[in-house]
Amino acid sequence: MQPASTCTIDALDTRELVVTTEEAIRRGRMEDPGTRDPMGLLCGLGLLVQGD
């Protein structure tokens, strides 16, 4: 897997990220991460890579 170094959070559908997270919780596929903040969700999923 390669990071999308030119992609920013502005390019993401953050509403869909939250909706998908809530659906995964409802279906028992993930535990509630305790946040609905898109940056927090991405960090918790290990999907956020920040440059130095």
PDB file of N, CA and C in Angstrom:
ATOM      1  N   MET A   1       0.840  -1.155   0.000  1.00  0.00           N
ATOM      2  CA  MET A   1       0.000   0.000   0.000  1.00  0.00           C
ATOM      3  C   MET A   1       0.900   1.238   0.000  1.00  0.00           C
ATOM      4  N   GLN A   2       0.559   2.207  -0.821  1.00  0.00           N
ATOM      5  CA  GLN A   2       1.317   3.436  -0.927  1.00  0.00           C
ATOM      6  C   GLN A   2       0.479   4.609  -0.436  1.00  0.00           C
ATOM      7  N   PRO A   3       1.067   5.533   0.314  1.00  0.00           N
ATOM      8  CA  PRO A   3       0.314   6.705   0.747  1.00  0.00           C
ATOM      9  C   PRO A   3       0.017   7.609  -0.446  1.00  0.00           C
ATOM     10  N   ALA A   4      -1.132   8.253  -0.397  1.00  0.00           N
ATOM     11  CA  ALA A   4      -1.518   9.231  -1.416  1.00  0.00           C
ATOM     12  C   ALA A   4      -0.990  10.582  -0.953  1.00  0.00           C
ATOM     13  N   SER A   5       0.268  10.836  -1.239  1.00  0.00           N
ATOM     14  CA  SER A   5       0.942  12.011  -0.685  1.00  0.00           C
ATOM     15  C   SER A   5       0.378  13.335  -1.174  1.00  0.00           C
ATOM     16  N   THR A   6      -0.331  13.327  -2.281  1.00  0.00           N
ATOM     17  CA  THR A   6      -0.899  14.582  -2.785  1.00  0.00           C
ATOM     18  C   THR A   6      -2.352  14.782  -2.361  1.00  0.00           C
ATOM     19  N   CYS A   7      -2.900  13.833  -1.661  1.00  0.00           N
ATOM     20  CA  CYS A   7      -4.301  13.908  -1.225  1.00  0.00           C
ATOM     21  C   CYS A   7      -4.382  14.602   0.134  1.00  0.00           C
ATOM     22  N   THR A   8      -5.354  15.500   0.257  1.00  0.00           N
ATOM     23  CA  THR A   8      -5.593  16.159   1.538  1.00  0.00           C
ATOM     24  C   THR A   8      -6.965  15.754   2.052  1.00  0.00           C
ATOM     25  N   ILE A   9      -7.240  16.056   3.296  1.00  0.00           N
ATOM     26  CA  ILE A   9      -8.546  15.710   3.869  1.00  0.00           C
ATOM     27  C   ILE A   9      -9.667  16.438   3.144  1.00  0.00           C
ATOM     28  N   ASP A  10      -9.358  17.576   2.540  1.00  0.00           N
ATOM     29  CA  ASP A  10     -10.373  18.321   1.779  1.00  0.00           C
ATOM     30  C   ASP A  10     -10.870  17.540   0.574  1.00  0.00           C
ATOM     31  N   ALA A  11     -10.077  16.600   0.087  1.00  0.00           N
ATOM     32  CA  ALA A  11     -10.457  15.790  -1.067  1.00  0.00           C
ATOM     33  C   ALA A  11     -11.356  14.618  -0.678  1.00  0.00           C
ATOM     34  N   LEU A  12     -11.514  14.376   0.608  1.00  0.00           N
ATOM     35  CA  LEU A  12     -12.317  13.255   1.088  1.00  0.00           C
ATOM     36  C   LEU A  12     -13.741  13.675   1.400  1.00  0.00           C
ATOM     37  N   ASP A  13     -14.659  12.725   1.260  1.00  0.00           N
ATOM     38  CA  ASP A  13     -16.047  12.947   1.662  1.00  0.00           C
ATOM     39  C   ASP A  13     -16.140  12.585   3.141  1.00  0.00           C
ATOM     40  N   THR A  14     -15.885  13.574   3.998  1.00  0.00           N
ATOM     41  CA  THR A  14     -15.827  13.310   5.437  1.00  0.00           C
ATOM     42  C   THR A  14     -17.176  12.883   5.989  1.00  0.00           C
ATOM     43  N   ARG A  15     -18.265  13.358   5.403  1.00  0.00           N
ATOM     44  CA  ARG A  15     -19.588  12.911   5.842  1.00  0.00           C
ATOM     45  C   ARG A  15     -19.730  11.413   5.615  1.00  0.00           C
ATOM     46  N   GLU A  16     -19.278  10.930   4.470  1.00  0.00           N
ATOM     47  CA  GLU A  16     -19.344   9.494   4.167  1.00  0.00           C
ATOM     48  C   GLU A  16     -18.463   8.689   5.116  1.00  0.00           C
ATOM     49  N   LEU A  17     -17.337   9.229   5.484  1.00  0.00           N
ATOM     50  CA  LEU A  17     -16.457   8.572   6.451  1.00  0.00           C
ATOM     51  C   LEU A  17     -17.191   8.344   7.772  1.00  0.00           C
ATOM     52  N   VAL A  18     -17.896   9.356   8.245  1.00  0.00           N
ATOM     53  CA  VAL A  18     -18.645   9.258   9.495  1.00  0.00           C
ATOM     54  C   VAL A  18     -19.812   8.279   9.354  1.00  0.00           C
ATOM     55  N   VAL A  19     -20.559   8.377   8.249  1.00  0.00           N
ATOM     56  CA  VAL A  19     -21.703   7.479   8.024  1.00  0.00           C
ATOM     57  C   VAL A  19     -21.242   6.031   7.957  1.00  0.00           C
ATOM     58  N   THR A  20     -20.142   5.779   7.253  1.00  0.00           N
ATOM     59  CA  THR A  20     -19.611   4.419   7.128  1.00  0.00           C
ATOM     60  C   THR A  20     -19.138   3.888   8.480  1.00  0.00           C
ATOM     61  N   THR A  21     -18.515   4.739   9.271  1.00  0.00           N
ATOM     62  CA  THR A  21     -18.083   4.351  10.615  1.00  0.00           C
ATOM     63  C   THR A  21     -19.278   3.970  11.470  1.00  0.00           C
ATOM     64  N   GLU A  22     -20.313   4.795  11.443  1.00  0.00           N
ATOM     65  CA  GLU A  22     -21.503   4.503  12.244  1.00  0.00           C
ATOM     66  C   GLU A  22     -22.183   3.211  11.809  1.00  0.00           C
ATOM     67  N   GLU A  23     -22.198   2.950  10.518  1.00  0.00           N
ATOM     68  CA  GLU A  23     -22.788   1.708  10.017  1.00  0.00           C
ATOM     69  C   GLU A  23     -21.951   0.496  10.437  1.00  0.00           C
ATOM     70  N   ALA A  24     -20.638   0.618  10.402  1.00  0.00           N
ATOM     71  CA  ALA A  24     -19.769  -0.475  10.840  1.00  0.00           C
ATOM     72  C   ALA A  24     -19.973  -0.773  12.325  1.00  0.00           C
ATOM     73  N   ILE A  25     -20.161   0.261  13.123  1.00  0.00           N
ATOM     74  CA  ILE A  25     -20.433   0.069  14.554  1.00  0.00           C
ATOM     75  C   ILE A  25     -21.773  -0.631  14.736  1.00  0.00           C
ATOM     76  N   ARG A  26     -22.785  -0.155  14.016  1.00  0.00           N
ATOM     77  CA  ARG A  26     -24.135  -0.729  14.127  1.00  0.00           C
ATOM     78  C   ARG A  26     -24.140  -2.210  13.752  1.00  0.00           C
ATOM     79  N   ARG A  27     -23.349  -2.584  12.763  1.00  0.00           N
ATOM     80  CA  ARG A  27     -23.302  -3.973  12.313  1.00  0.00           C
ATOM     81  C   ARG A  27     -22.332  -4.836  13.128  1.00  0.00           C
ATOM     82  N   GLY A  28     -21.668  -4.223  14.108  1.00  0.00           N
ATOM     83  CA  GLY A  28     -20.742  -4.974  14.942  1.00  0.00           C
ATOM     84  C   GLY A  28     -19.410  -5.269  14.279  1.00  0.00           C
ATOM     85  N   ARG A  29     -19.063  -4.534  13.259  1.00  0.00           N
ATOM     86  CA  ARG A  29     -17.812  -4.765  12.533  1.00  0.00           C
ATOM     87  C   ARG A  29     -16.652  -3.963  13.107  1.00  0.00           C
ATOM     88  N   MET A  30     -16.966  -2.990  13.964  1.00  0.00           N
ATOM     89  CA  MET A  30     -15.912  -2.246  14.652  1.00  0.00           C
ATOM     90  C   MET A  30     -16.470  -1.688  15.944  1.00  0.00           C
ATOM     91  N   GLU A  31     -15.576  -1.453  16.882  1.00  0.00           N
ATOM     92  CA  GLU A  31     -15.980  -0.840  18.137  1.00  0.00           C
ATOM     93  C   GLU A  31     -16.061   0.665  17.949  1.00  0.00           C
ATOM     94  N   ASP A  32     -16.883   1.297  18.758  1.00  0.00           N
ATOM     95  CA  ASP A  32     -17.028   2.747  18.692  1.00  0.00           C
ATOM     96  C   ASP A  32     -15.698   3.393  19.062  1.00  0.00           C
ATOM     97  N   PRO A  33     -15.126   4.186  18.153  1.00  0.00           N
ATOM     98  CA  PRO A  33     -13.844   4.812  18.441  1.00  0.00           C
ATOM     99  C   PRO A  33     -13.945   6.002  19.402  1.00  0.00           C
ATOM    100  N   GLY A  34     -15.158   6.402  19.735  1.00  0.00           N
ATOM    101  CA  GLY A  34     -15.335   7.499  20.686  1.00  0.00           C
ATOM    102  C   GLY A  34     -15.236   8.876  20.068  1.00  0.00           C
ATOM    103  N   THR A  35     -15.108   8.943  18.752  1.00  0.00           N
ATOM    104  CA  THR A  35     -15.049  10.229  18.060  1.00  0.00           C
ATOM    105  C   THR A  35     -15.732  10.098  16.707  1.00  0.00           C
ATOM    106  N   ARG A  36     -16.202  11.215  16.213  1.00  0.00           N
ATOM    107  CA  ARG A  36     -16.722  11.268  14.844  1.00  0.00           C
ATOM    108  C   ARG A  36     -15.960  12.331  14.058  1.00  0.00           C
ATOM    109  N   ASP A  37     -14.893  12.831  14.660  1.00  0.00           N
ATOM    110  CA  ASP A  37     -14.028  13.794  14.000  1.00  0.00           C
ATOM    111  C   ASP A  37     -13.273  13.074  12.880  1.00  0.00           C
ATOM    112  N   PRO A  38     -13.370  13.548  11.641  1.00  0.00           N
ATOM    113  CA  PRO A  38     -12.714  12.848  10.537  1.00  0.00           C
ATOM    114  C   PRO A  38     -11.220  12.629  10.746  1.00  0.00           C
ATOM    115  N   MET A  39     -10.507  13.609  11.258  1.00  0.00           N
ATOM    116  CA  MET A  39      -9.071  13.433  11.489  1.00  0.00           C
ATOM    117  C   MET A  39      -8.830  12.354  12.536  1.00  0.00           C
ATOM    118  N   GLY A  40      -9.634  12.354  13.596  1.00  0.00           N
ATOM    119  CA  GLY A  40      -9.516  11.333  14.637  1.00  0.00           C
ATOM    120  C   GLY A  40      -9.821   9.945  14.110  1.00  0.00           C
ATOM    121  N   LEU A  41     -10.847   9.846  13.254  1.00  0.00           N
ATOM    122  CA  LEU A  41     -11.188   8.550  12.665  1.00  0.00           C
ATOM    123  C   LEU A  41     -10.063   8.034  11.784  1.00  0.00           C
ATOM    124  N   LEU A  42      -9.523   8.904  10.940  1.00  0.00           N
ATOM    125  CA  LEU A  42      -8.436   8.487  10.053  1.00  0.00           C
ATOM    126  C   LEU A  42      -7.199   8.063  10.840  1.00  0.00           C
ATOM    127  N   CYS A  43      -6.881   8.804  11.890  1.00  0.00           N
ATOM    128  CA  CYS A  43      -5.731   8.419  12.731  1.00  0.00           C
ATOM    129  C   CYS A  43      -5.981   7.077  13.399  1.00  0.00           C
ATOM    130  N   GLY A  44      -7.177   6.896  13.943  1.00  0.00           N
ATOM    131  CA  GLY A  44      -7.510   5.657  14.633  1.00  0.00           C
ATOM    132  C   GLY A  44      -7.495   4.443  13.723  1.00  0.00           C
ATOM    133  N   LEU A  45      -7.792   4.641  12.452  1.00  0.00           N
ATOM    134  CA  LEU A  45      -7.769   3.553  11.485  1.00  0.00           C
ATOM    135  C   LEU A  45      -6.390   3.344  10.874  1.00  0.00           C
ATOM    136  N   GLY A  46      -5.452   4.181  11.263  1.00  0.00           N
ATOM    137  CA  GLY A  46      -4.105   4.072  10.722  1.00  0.00           C
ATOM    138  C   GLY A  46      -4.005   4.538   9.278  1.00  0.00           C
ATOM    139  N   LEU A  47      -4.913   5.419   8.865  1.00  0.00           N
ATOM    140  CA  LEU A  47      -4.943   5.864   7.474  1.00  0.00           C
ATOM    141  C   LEU A  47      -4.398   7.271   7.266  1.00  0.00           C
ATOM    142  N   LEU A  48      -4.019   7.924   8.326  1.00  0.00           N
ATOM    143  CA  LEU A  48      -3.512   9.287   8.205  1.00  0.00           C
ATOM    144  C   LEU A  48      -1.995   9.287   8.264  1.00  0.00           C
ATOM    145  N   VAL A  49      -1.395   9.814   7.244  1.00  0.00           N
ATOM    146  CA  VAL A  49       0.059   9.935   7.198  1.00  0.00           C
ATOM    147  C   VAL A  49       0.372  11.418   7.083  1.00  0.00           C
ATOM    148  N   GLN A  50       1.083  11.942   8.058  1.00  0.00           N
ATOM    149  CA  GLN A  50       1.437  13.341   8.030  1.00  0.00           C
ATOM    150  C   GLN A  50       2.916  13.476   7.728  1.00  0.00           C
ATOM    151  N   GLY A  51       3.250  14.485   6.921  1.00  0.00           N
ATOM    152  CA  GLY A  51       4.646  14.727   6.583  1.00  0.00           C
ATOM    153  C   GLY A  51       5.401  15.332   7.737  1.00  0.00           C
ATOM    154  N   ASP A  52       6.716  15.294   7.661  1.00  0.00           N
ATOM    155  CA  ASP A  52       7.575  15.857   8.704  1.00  0.00           C
ATOM    156  C   ASP A  52       7.502  17.357   8.708  1.00  0.00           C
TER     157      ASP A  52
END
